């Protein structure tokens, strides 16, 4: 089963990882990015840089990887986020046929997301990308410059990646990420602090999933507000259900005490 690991720096990124890199204003983006990409060439990875505003890999050529930056040809134009998912899928498959160990992606989200991106759009695209990465020989670092995004967008982005690198103040209280088809891991703490991001993520998944399974092995706590958000998301899609698997005794006790074990609630705790 795919689980979160502690990733203190980009040098620890492995195949299958999907990392939110919250780049602080004072960080040397170019140096850190070059280190991450150089590790890939040493390990036999194919490199793909998407949307970088600085020449983090100027010697990149067709034999070594891809540099995709729409803004370099058409100033002001940003990469289509839907296309990013398709491109990663295509290039991960191609990299294997070409003999590379894996596809190593650096996506500079400042140039990928359109102006005014909403938390809902971020959750939709990042969760789709995460589902793809979990089943492929790829690793993707999504670089979010903290000064370029609203706090709720950064919070949402961090919550829908298995791994986070950056300022501790931006560390999400919970994380939701792909475990398998129609099954998602939920870890950390779901409480009032992350309630909005949690509601957005669950609602987005329910739009396309008749039965959403949340694996709760890593879930430490879900308080009353978190449970309200869960019931609210499920109630917005009549006929669809949420199953919380392997929740700990604390979560189960709170669930019962707050009355969510009622059959009329479209969310259920299961073994």
C-alpha atoms as a PDB file:
ATOM      1  CA  UNK A   1       0.000   0.000   0.000  1.00  0.00           C
ATOM      2  CA  UNK A   2       1.223   3.495  -0.825  1.00  0.00           C
ATOM      3  CA  UNK A   3       1.998   5.459   2.355  1.00  0.00           C
ATOM      4  CA  UNK A   4       3.482   8.796   3.323  1.00  0.00           C
ATOM      5  CA  UNK A   5       7.172   8.986   4.129  1.00  0.00           C
ATOM      6  CA  UNK A   6       9.112  11.778   5.690  1.00  0.00           C
ATOM      7  CA  UNK A   7      10.688  13.718   2.816  1.00  0.00           C
ATOM      8  CA  UNK A   8      12.839  16.443   4.319  1.00  0.00           C
ATOM      9  CA  UNK A   9      14.366  17.542   1.007  1.00  0.00           C
ATOM     10  CA  UNK A  10      14.093  16.898  -2.712  1.00  0.00           C
ATOM     11  CA  UNK A  11      17.192  14.683  -2.545  1.00  0.00           C
ATOM     12  CA  UNK A  12      15.022  12.044  -0.831  1.00  0.00           C
ATOM     13  CA  UNK A  13      12.368  11.837  -3.570  1.00  0.00           C
ATOM     14  CA  UNK A  14      11.848   8.319  -4.920  1.00  0.00           C
ATOM     15  CA  UNK A  15       9.986   6.682  -7.809  1.00  0.00           C
ATOM     16  CA  UNK A  16       6.248   6.916  -7.200  1.00  0.00           C
ATOM     17  CA  UNK A  17       6.501  10.074  -5.081  1.00  0.00           C
ATOM     18  CA  UNK A  18       4.283  13.112  -5.649  1.00  0.00           C
ATOM     19  CA  UNK A  19       5.719  16.052  -3.728  1.00  0.00           C
ATOM     20  CA  UNK A  20       4.350  19.501  -2.945  1.00  0.00           C
ATOM     21  CA  UNK A  21       7.357  21.818  -2.721  1.00  0.00           C
ATOM     22  CA  UNK A  22       6.296  25.093  -1.101  1.00  0.00           C
ATOM     23  CA  UNK A  23       9.158  27.331  -2.220  1.00  0.00           C
ATOM     24  CA  UNK A  24       9.755  30.157   0.292  1.00  0.00           C
ATOM     25  CA  UNK A  25      10.660  33.584  -1.158  1.00  0.00           C
ATOM     26  CA  UNK A  26      14.221  33.429   0.142  1.00  0.00           C
ATOM     27  CA  UNK A  27      14.946  29.939  -1.241  1.00  0.00           C
ATOM     28  CA  UNK A  28      17.379  29.491  -4.127  1.00  0.00           C
ATOM     29  CA  UNK A  29      14.916  27.810  -6.476  1.00  0.00           C
ATOM     30  CA  UNK A  30      17.448  27.257  -9.237  1.00  0.00           C
ATOM     31  CA  UNK A  31      20.021  25.562  -6.991  1.00  0.00           C
ATOM     32  CA  UNK A  32      17.504  23.257  -5.314  1.00  0.00           C
ATOM     33  CA  UNK A  33      15.856  22.355  -8.603  1.00  0.00           C
ATOM     34  CA  UNK A  34      19.179  21.603 -10.260  1.00  0.00           C
ATOM     35  CA  UNK A  35      20.088  19.251  -7.417  1.00  0.00           C
ATOM     36  CA  UNK A  36      16.824  17.337  -7.813  1.00  0.00           C
ATOM     37  CA  UNK A  37      17.277  17.055 -11.589  1.00  0.00           C
ATOM     38  CA  UNK A  38      20.979  16.157 -11.357  1.00  0.00           C
ATOM     39  CA  UNK A  39      20.115  13.277  -9.025  1.00  0.00           C
ATOM     40  CA  UNK A  40      17.864  11.981 -11.790  1.00  0.00           C
ATOM     41  CA  UNK A  41      20.582  11.933 -14.436  1.00  0.00           C
ATOM     42  CA  UNK A  42      22.904  10.122 -12.040  1.00  0.00           C
ATOM     43  CA  UNK A  43      20.237   7.459 -11.439  1.00  0.00           C
ATOM     44  CA  UNK A  44      19.248   7.037 -15.090  1.00  0.00           C
ATOM     45  CA  UNK A  45      15.972   8.947 -15.075  1.00  0.00           C
ATOM     46  CA  UNK A  46      14.433  10.832 -17.971  1.00  0.00           C
ATOM     47  CA  UNK A  47      14.035  14.501 -17.052  1.00  0.00           C
ATOM     48  CA  UNK A  48      10.990  16.642 -17.778  1.00  0.00           C
ATOM     49  CA  UNK A  49      10.751  20.277 -16.688  1.00  0.00           C
ATOM     50  CA  UNK A  50       7.384  21.974 -17.109  1.00  0.00           C
ATOM     51  CA  UNK A  51       6.882  25.702 -16.879  1.00  0.00           C
ATOM     52  CA  UNK A  52      10.120  26.742 -15.201  1.00  0.00           C
ATOM     53  CA  UNK A  53      10.662  30.501 -15.243  1.00  0.00           C
ATOM     54  CA  UNK A  54      14.428  30.133 -14.868  1.00  0.00           C
ATOM     55  CA  UNK A  55      16.933  28.000 -16.825  1.00  0.00           C
ATOM     56  CA  UNK A  56      17.251  25.286 -14.203  1.00  0.00           C
ATOM     57  CA  UNK A  57      18.415  22.809 -16.806  1.00  0.00           C
ATOM     58  CA  UNK A  58      19.754  24.762 -19.829  1.00  0.00           C
ATOM     59  CA  UNK A  59      21.708  21.816 -21.236  1.00  0.00           C
ATOM     60  CA  UNK A  60      18.556  19.691 -21.396  1.00  0.00           C
ATOM     61  CA  UNK A  61      18.268  18.133 -24.854  1.00  0.00           C
ATOM     62  CA  UNK A  62      15.931  15.674 -26.616  1.00  0.00           C
ATOM     63  CA  UNK A  63      18.159  12.732 -25.688  1.00  0.00           C
ATOM     64  CA  UNK A  64      17.988  13.545 -21.984  1.00  0.00           C
ATOM     65  CA  UNK A  65      14.483  14.847 -21.516  1.00  0.00           C
ATOM     66  CA  UNK A  66      11.902  17.499 -22.227  1.00  0.00           C
ATOM     67  CA  UNK A  67      11.560  21.185 -21.455  1.00  0.00           C
ATOM     68  CA  UNK A  68       7.955  22.320 -21.728  1.00  0.00           C
ATOM     69  CA  UNK A  69       7.410  26.027 -21.149  1.00  0.00           C
ATOM     70  CA  UNK A  70       4.583  27.720 -23.062  1.00  0.00           C
ATOM     71  CA  UNK A  71       5.515  31.102 -21.613  1.00  0.00           C
ATOM     72  CA  UNK A  72       8.878  31.103 -23.388  1.00  0.00           C
ATOM     73  CA  UNK A  73       7.210  31.180 -26.808  1.00  0.00           C
ATOM     74  CA  UNK A  74       4.054  33.119 -25.912  1.00  0.00           C
ATOM     75  CA  UNK A  75       4.515  35.436 -22.928  1.00  0.00           C
ATOM     76  CA  UNK A  76       1.574  35.335 -20.548  1.00  0.00           C
ATOM     77  CA  UNK A  77       0.399  31.916 -21.742  1.00  0.00           C
ATOM     78  CA  UNK A  78       0.338  29.185 -19.121  1.00  0.00           C
ATOM     79  CA  UNK A  79       0.415  25.434 -19.456  1.00  0.00           C
ATOM     80  CA  UNK A  80      -2.918  23.626 -19.558  1.00  0.00           C
ATOM     81  CA  UNK A  81      -3.122  21.666 -16.290  1.00  0.00           C
ATOM     82  CA  UNK A  82      -5.224  18.955 -17.947  1.00  0.00           C
ATOM     83  CA  UNK A  83      -2.438  18.516 -20.472  1.00  0.00           C
ATOM     84  CA  UNK A  84       0.082  18.023 -17.655  1.00  0.00           C
ATOM     85  CA  UNK A  85      -1.668  14.833 -16.530  1.00  0.00           C
ATOM     86  CA  UNK A  86      -1.741  13.493 -20.090  1.00  0.00           C
ATOM     87  CA  UNK A  87       1.870  14.471 -20.719  1.00  0.00           C
ATOM     88  CA  UNK A  88       3.156  12.725 -17.588  1.00  0.00           C
ATOM     89  CA  UNK A  89       1.251   9.553 -18.499  1.00  0.00           C
ATOM     90  CA  UNK A  90       2.602   9.571 -22.047  1.00  0.00           C
ATOM     91  CA  UNK A  91       6.203  10.360 -21.139  1.00  0.00           C
ATOM     92  CA  UNK A  92       6.337   7.850 -18.276  1.00  0.00           C
ATOM     93  CA  UNK A  93       5.411   5.113 -20.736  1.00  0.00           C
ATOM     94  CA  UNK A  94       7.891   6.415 -23.316  1.00  0.00           C
ATOM     95  CA  UNK A  95      10.717   6.649 -20.770  1.00  0.00           C
ATOM     96  CA  UNK A  96      10.366   2.944 -19.987  1.00  0.00           C
ATOM     97  CA  UNK A  97      10.585   1.988 -23.650  1.00  0.00           C
ATOM     98  CA  UNK A  98      13.640   4.217 -24.052  1.00  0.00           C
ATOM     99  CA  UNK A  99      15.454   2.395 -21.263  1.00  0.00           C
ATOM    100  CA  UNK A 100      15.264   5.030 -18.527  1.00  0.00           C
ATOM    101  CA  UNK A 101      14.723   3.989 -14.921  1.00  0.00           C
ATOM    102  CA  UNK A 102      11.831   6.423 -14.470  1.00  0.00           C
ATOM    103  CA  UNK A 103      10.435   9.799 -15.486  1.00  0.00           C
ATOM    104  CA  UNK A 104      11.538  12.626 -13.164  1.00  0.00           C
ATOM    105  CA  UNK A 105       9.329  15.720 -13.411  1.00  0.00           C
ATOM    106  CA  UNK A 106       9.731  19.215 -12.045  1.00  0.00           C
ATOM    107  CA  UNK A 107       6.526  21.214 -12.535  1.00  0.00           C
ATOM    108  CA  UNK A 108       6.704  24.920 -11.749  1.00  0.00           C
ATOM    109  CA  UNK A 109       3.067  25.540 -10.820  1.00  0.00           C
ATOM    110  CA  UNK A 110       3.411  29.335 -10.997  1.00  0.00           C
ATOM    111  CA  UNK A 111       3.491  28.943 -14.769  1.00  0.00           C
ATOM    112  CA  UNK A 112       1.071  26.024 -15.010  1.00  0.00           C
ATOM    113  CA  UNK A 113      -1.931  27.223 -13.034  1.00  0.00           C
ATOM    114  CA  UNK A 114      -3.977  30.060 -14.562  1.00  0.00           C
ATOM    115  CA  UNK A 115      -4.380  33.313 -12.680  1.00  0.00           C
ATOM    116  CA  UNK A 116      -7.059  33.056 -10.003  1.00  0.00           C
ATOM    117  CA  UNK A 117      -6.852  29.267  -9.655  1.00  0.00           C
ATOM    118  CA  UNK A 118      -9.325  28.004  -7.050  1.00  0.00           C
ATOM    119  CA  UNK A 119      -8.753  25.368  -4.352  1.00  0.00           C
ATOM    120  CA  UNK A 120     -11.362  23.196  -6.105  1.00  0.00           C
ATOM    121  CA  UNK A 121      -9.380  23.230  -9.347  1.00  0.00           C
ATOM    122  CA  UNK A 122      -6.140  22.483  -7.522  1.00  0.00           C
ATOM    123  CA  UNK A 123      -7.678  19.510  -5.704  1.00  0.00           C
ATOM    124  CA  UNK A 124      -9.163  18.088  -8.909  1.00  0.00           C
ATOM    125  CA  UNK A 125      -5.960  18.259 -10.926  1.00  0.00           C
ATOM    126  CA  UNK A 126      -3.533  17.218  -8.192  1.00  0.00           C
ATOM    127  CA  UNK A 127      -5.651  14.220  -7.160  1.00  0.00           C
ATOM    128  CA  UNK A 128      -5.861  13.099 -10.781  1.00  0.00           C
ATOM    129  CA  UNK A 129      -2.125  13.474 -11.145  1.00  0.00           C
ATOM    130  CA  UNK A 130      -1.538  11.586  -7.898  1.00  0.00           C
ATOM    131  CA  UNK A 131      -3.666   8.651  -9.084  1.00  0.00           C
ATOM    132  CA  UNK A 132      -1.518   8.472 -12.208  1.00  0.00           C
ATOM    133  CA  UNK A 133       1.848   8.712 -10.434  1.00  0.00           C
ATOM    134  CA  UNK A 134       0.982   5.994  -7.930  1.00  0.00           C
ATOM    135  CA  UNK A 135       0.744   3.440 -10.711  1.00  0.00           C
ATOM    136  CA  UNK A 136       3.630   4.495 -12.921  1.00  0.00           C
ATOM    137  CA  UNK A 137       7.414   4.694 -12.983  1.00  0.00           C
ATOM    138  CA  UNK A 138       7.418   8.427 -12.402  1.00  0.00           C
ATOM    139  CA  UNK A 139       8.070  10.991  -9.703  1.00  0.00           C
ATOM    140  CA  UNK A 140       6.722  14.529  -9.776  1.00  0.00           C
ATOM    141  CA  UNK A 141       7.687  17.574  -7.737  1.00  0.00           C
ATOM    142  CA  UNK A 142       5.087  20.348  -7.933  1.00  0.00           C
ATOM    143  CA  UNK A 143       6.813  23.618  -7.023  1.00  0.00           C
ATOM    144  CA  UNK A 144       4.515  26.265  -5.533  1.00  0.00           C
ATOM    145  CA  UNK A 145       6.150  29.621  -4.803  1.00  0.00           C
ATOM    146  CA  UNK A 146       4.483  30.716  -1.577  1.00  0.00           C
ATOM    147  CA  UNK A 147       4.314  34.384  -2.574  1.00  0.00           C
ATOM    148  CA  UNK A 148       2.416  33.587  -5.789  1.00  0.00           C
ATOM    149  CA  UNK A 149      -0.608  31.763  -4.343  1.00  0.00           C
ATOM    150  CA  UNK A 150      -3.389  32.559  -1.884  1.00  0.00           C
ATOM    151  CA  UNK A 151      -3.137  30.739   1.468  1.00  0.00           C
ATOM    152  CA  UNK A 152      -6.198  28.564   0.790  1.00  0.00           C
ATOM    153  CA  UNK A 153      -4.719  27.425  -2.537  1.00  0.00           C
ATOM    154  CA  UNK A 154      -1.412  26.502  -0.884  1.00  0.00           C
ATOM    155  CA  UNK A 155      -3.254  24.656   1.891  1.00  0.00           C
ATOM    156  CA  UNK A 156      -5.268  22.701  -0.660  1.00  0.00           C
ATOM    157  CA  UNK A 157      -2.214  21.830  -2.728  1.00  0.00           C
ATOM    158  CA  UNK A 158      -0.298  20.580   0.299  1.00  0.00           C
ATOM    159  CA  UNK A 159      -3.207  18.428   1.504  1.00  0.00           C
ATOM    160  CA  UNK A 160      -3.530  16.431  -1.727  1.00  0.00           C
ATOM    161  CA  UNK A 161       0.115  15.366  -2.037  1.00  0.00           C
ATOM    162  CA  UNK A 162       1.558  12.373  -0.143  1.00  0.00           C
ATOM    163  CA  UNK A 163       4.735  14.369   0.550  1.00  0.00           C
ATOM    164  CA  UNK A 164       5.504  17.954   1.480  1.00  0.00           C
ATOM    165  CA  UNK A 165       8.762  19.919   1.461  1.00  0.00           C
ATOM    166  CA  UNK A 166       8.864  23.513   2.648  1.00  0.00           C
ATOM    167  CA  UNK A 167       8.006  25.808   5.527  1.00  0.00           C
ATOM    168  CA  UNK A 168       6.551  24.003   8.525  1.00  0.00           C
ATOM    169  CA  UNK A 169       3.843  26.672   8.828  1.00  0.00           C
ATOM    170  CA  UNK A 170       2.383  25.410   5.547  1.00  0.00           C
ATOM    171  CA  UNK A 171       2.451  21.745   6.578  1.00  0.00           C
ATOM    172  CA  UNK A 172      -1.081  20.346   6.118  1.00  0.00           C
ATOM    173  CA  UNK A 173      -2.916  18.805   9.071  1.00  0.00           C
ATOM    174  CA  UNK A 174      -4.119  15.932   6.866  1.00  0.00           C
ATOM    175  CA  UNK A 175      -3.196  14.344   3.552  1.00  0.00           C
ATOM    176  CA  UNK A 176      -5.300  12.531   1.007  1.00  0.00           C
ATOM    177  CA  UNK A 177      -3.651  10.586  -1.785  1.00  0.00           C
ATOM    178  CA  UNK A 178      -4.235   7.659  -4.111  1.00  0.00           C
ATOM    179  CA  UNK A 179      -3.984   4.083  -2.842  1.00  0.00           C
ATOM    180  CA  UNK A 180      -5.635   2.274  -5.778  1.00  0.00           C
ATOM    181  CA  UNK A 181      -8.537   2.769  -8.159  1.00  0.00           C
ATOM    182  CA  UNK A 182     -11.418   4.411  -6.233  1.00  0.00           C
ATOM    183  CA  UNK A 183      -9.450   4.020  -2.985  1.00  0.00           C
ATOM    184  CA  UNK A 184      -7.625   6.855  -1.246  1.00  0.00           C
ATOM    185  CA  UNK A 185      -5.393   7.040   1.805  1.00  0.00           C
ATOM    186  CA  UNK A 186      -6.348   9.556   4.481  1.00  0.00           C
ATOM    187  CA  UNK A 187      -3.702  10.399   7.087  1.00  0.00           C
ATOM    188  CA  UNK A 188      -3.032  12.962   9.783  1.00  0.00           C
ATOM    189  CA  UNK A 189      -5.683  14.981  11.608  1.00  0.00           C
ATOM    190  CA  UNK A 190      -8.956  16.206  10.098  1.00  0.00           C
ATOM    191  CA  UNK A 191     -10.241  19.040  12.263  1.00  0.00           C
ATOM    192  CA  UNK A 192     -11.463  22.627  11.987  1.00  0.00           C
ATOM    193  CA  UNK A 193      -8.082  23.863  10.730  1.00  0.00           C
ATOM    194  CA  UNK A 194      -8.230  21.768   7.557  1.00  0.00           C
ATOM    195  CA  UNK A 195     -12.003  21.349   7.226  1.00  0.00           C
ATOM    196  CA  UNK A 196     -12.358  23.456   4.088  1.00  0.00           C
ATOM    197  CA  UNK A 197      -9.574  21.670   2.232  1.00  0.00           C
ATOM    198  CA  UNK A 198     -10.942  18.291   3.339  1.00  0.00           C
ATOM    199  CA  UNK A 199     -14.465  19.104   2.107  1.00  0.00           C
ATOM    200  CA  UNK A 200     -13.113  20.266  -1.237  1.00  0.00           C
ATOM    201  CA  UNK A 201     -10.991  17.139  -1.755  1.00  0.00           C
ATOM    202  CA  UNK A 202     -13.761  14.680  -0.823  1.00  0.00           C
ATOM    203  CA  UNK A 203     -16.364  16.529  -2.881  1.00  0.00           C
ATOM    204  CA  UNK A 204     -14.104  16.488  -5.913  1.00  0.00           C
ATOM    205  CA  UNK A 205     -13.553  12.744  -5.686  1.00  0.00           C
ATOM    206  CA  UNK A 206     -17.266  11.996  -5.232  1.00  0.00           C
ATOM    207  CA  UNK A 207     -18.080  13.719  -8.515  1.00  0.00           C
ATOM    208  CA  UNK A 208     -16.630  10.755 -10.393  1.00  0.00           C
ATOM    209  CA  UNK A 209     -16.694   7.953  -7.796  1.00  0.00           C
ATOM    210  CA  UNK A 210     -19.945   6.134  -6.864  1.00  0.00           C
ATOM    211  CA  UNK A 211     -18.343   4.612  -3.753  1.00  0.00           C
ATOM    212  CA  UNK A 212     -15.358   6.413  -2.281  1.00  0.00           C
ATOM    213  CA  UNK A 213     -13.145   4.270  -0.054  1.00  0.00           C
ATOM    214  CA  UNK A 214     -10.893   6.100   2.380  1.00  0.00           C
ATOM    215  CA  UNK A 215      -8.160   3.956   3.953  1.00  0.00           C
ATOM    216  CA  UNK A 216      -7.674   5.412   7.427  1.00  0.00           C
ATOM    217  CA  UNK A 217      -4.625   3.504   8.697  1.00  0.00           C
ATOM    218  CA  UNK A 218      -2.738   6.776   9.021  1.00  0.00           C
ATOM    219  CA  UNK A 219      -5.650   8.863  10.297  1.00  0.00           C
ATOM    220  CA  UNK A 220      -4.929   9.951  13.860  1.00  0.00           C
ATOM    221  CA  UNK A 221      -8.089  11.925  14.570  1.00  0.00           C
ATOM    222  CA  UNK A 222     -11.235  13.261  12.925  1.00  0.00           C
ATOM    223  CA  UNK A 223     -13.176  15.719  15.074  1.00  0.00           C
ATOM    224  CA  UNK A 224     -16.821  16.809  14.895  1.00  0.00           C
ATOM    225  CA  UNK A 225     -16.132  19.426  12.220  1.00  0.00           C
ATOM    226  CA  UNK A 226     -14.307  16.904  10.052  1.00  0.00           C
ATOM    227  CA  UNK A 227     -17.194  14.452  10.331  1.00  0.00           C
ATOM    228  CA  UNK A 228     -19.641  17.201   9.431  1.00  0.00           C
ATOM    229  CA  UNK A 229     -17.630  17.941   6.290  1.00  0.00           C
ATOM    230  CA  UNK A 230     -17.611  14.257   5.386  1.00  0.00           C
ATOM    231  CA  UNK A 231     -21.389  13.961   5.766  1.00  0.00           C
ATOM    232  CA  UNK A 232     -21.902  17.216   3.872  1.00  0.00           C
ATOM    233  CA  UNK A 233     -19.832  16.016   0.924  1.00  0.00           C
ATOM    234  CA  UNK A 234     -21.641  12.664   0.802  1.00  0.00           C
ATOM    235  CA  UNK A 235     -25.042  14.333   1.093  1.00  0.00           C
ATOM    236  CA  UNK A 236     -24.341  16.502  -1.950  1.00  0.00           C
ATOM    237  CA  UNK A 237     -24.331  13.408  -4.189  1.00  0.00           C
ATOM    238  CA  UNK A 238     -27.474  11.306  -3.537  1.00  0.00           C
ATOM    239  CA  UNK A 239     -26.894   7.612  -4.106  1.00  0.00           C
ATOM    240  CA  UNK A 240     -23.140   7.764  -3.529  1.00  0.00           C
ATOM    241  CA  UNK A 241     -21.393   6.575  -0.395  1.00  0.00           C
ATOM    242  CA  UNK A 242     -18.177   6.993   1.524  1.00  0.00           C
ATOM    243  CA  UNK A 243     -16.590   4.040   3.293  1.00  0.00           C
ATOM    244  CA  UNK A 244     -13.941   4.693   5.941  1.00  0.00           C
ATOM    245  CA  UNK A 245     -11.779   1.592   6.289  1.00  0.00           C
ATOM    246  CA  UNK A 246      -9.652   0.602   9.288  1.00  0.00           C
ATOM    247  CA  UNK A 247     -10.293   3.718  11.380  1.00  0.00           C
ATOM    248  CA  UNK A 248      -8.742   3.647  14.852  1.00  0.00           C
ATOM    249  CA  UNK A 249     -10.707   3.284  18.069  1.00  0.00           C
ATOM    250  CA  UNK A 250     -10.731   7.028  18.781  1.00  0.00           C
ATOM    251  CA  UNK A 251     -12.290   7.859  15.430  1.00  0.00           C
ATOM    252  CA  UNK A 252     -14.811   5.032  15.811  1.00  0.00           C
ATOM    253  CA  UNK A 253     -15.823   6.160  19.292  1.00  0.00           C
ATOM    254  CA  UNK A 254     -16.321   9.787  18.195  1.00  0.00           C
ATOM    255  CA  UNK A 255     -18.267   8.621  15.143  1.00  0.00           C
ATOM    256  CA  UNK A 256     -20.702   6.707  17.342  1.00  0.00           C
ATOM    257  CA  UNK A 257     -21.007   9.378  20.043  1.00  0.00           C
ATOM    258  CA  UNK A 258     -21.831  12.026  17.448  1.00  0.00           C
ATOM    259  CA  UNK A 259     -24.529   9.867  15.862  1.00  0.00           C
ATOM    260  CA  UNK A 260     -22.909   9.250  12.480  1.00  0.00           C
ATOM    261  CA  UNK A 261     -23.509   5.491  12.719  1.00  0.00           C
ATOM    262  CA  UNK A 262     -27.076   6.182  11.590  1.00  0.00           C
ATOM    263  CA  UNK A 263     -27.930   4.228   8.380  1.00  0.00           C
ATOM    264  CA  UNK A 264     -29.355   7.418   6.902  1.00  0.00           C
ATOM    265  CA  UNK A 265     -25.871   8.997   6.839  1.00  0.00           C
ATOM    266  CA  UNK A 266     -24.247   8.208   3.442  1.00  0.00           C
ATOM    267  CA  UNK A 267     -20.901   7.528   5.099  1.00  0.00           C
ATOM    268  CA  UNK A 268     -19.958   4.390   6.988  1.00  0.00           C
ATOM    269  CA  UNK A 269     -17.123   2.963   9.057  1.00  0.00           C
ATOM    270  CA  UNK A 270     -16.108  -0.503   7.856  1.00  0.00           C
ATOM    271  CA  UNK A 271     -13.376  -2.951   9.001  1.00  0.00           C
END
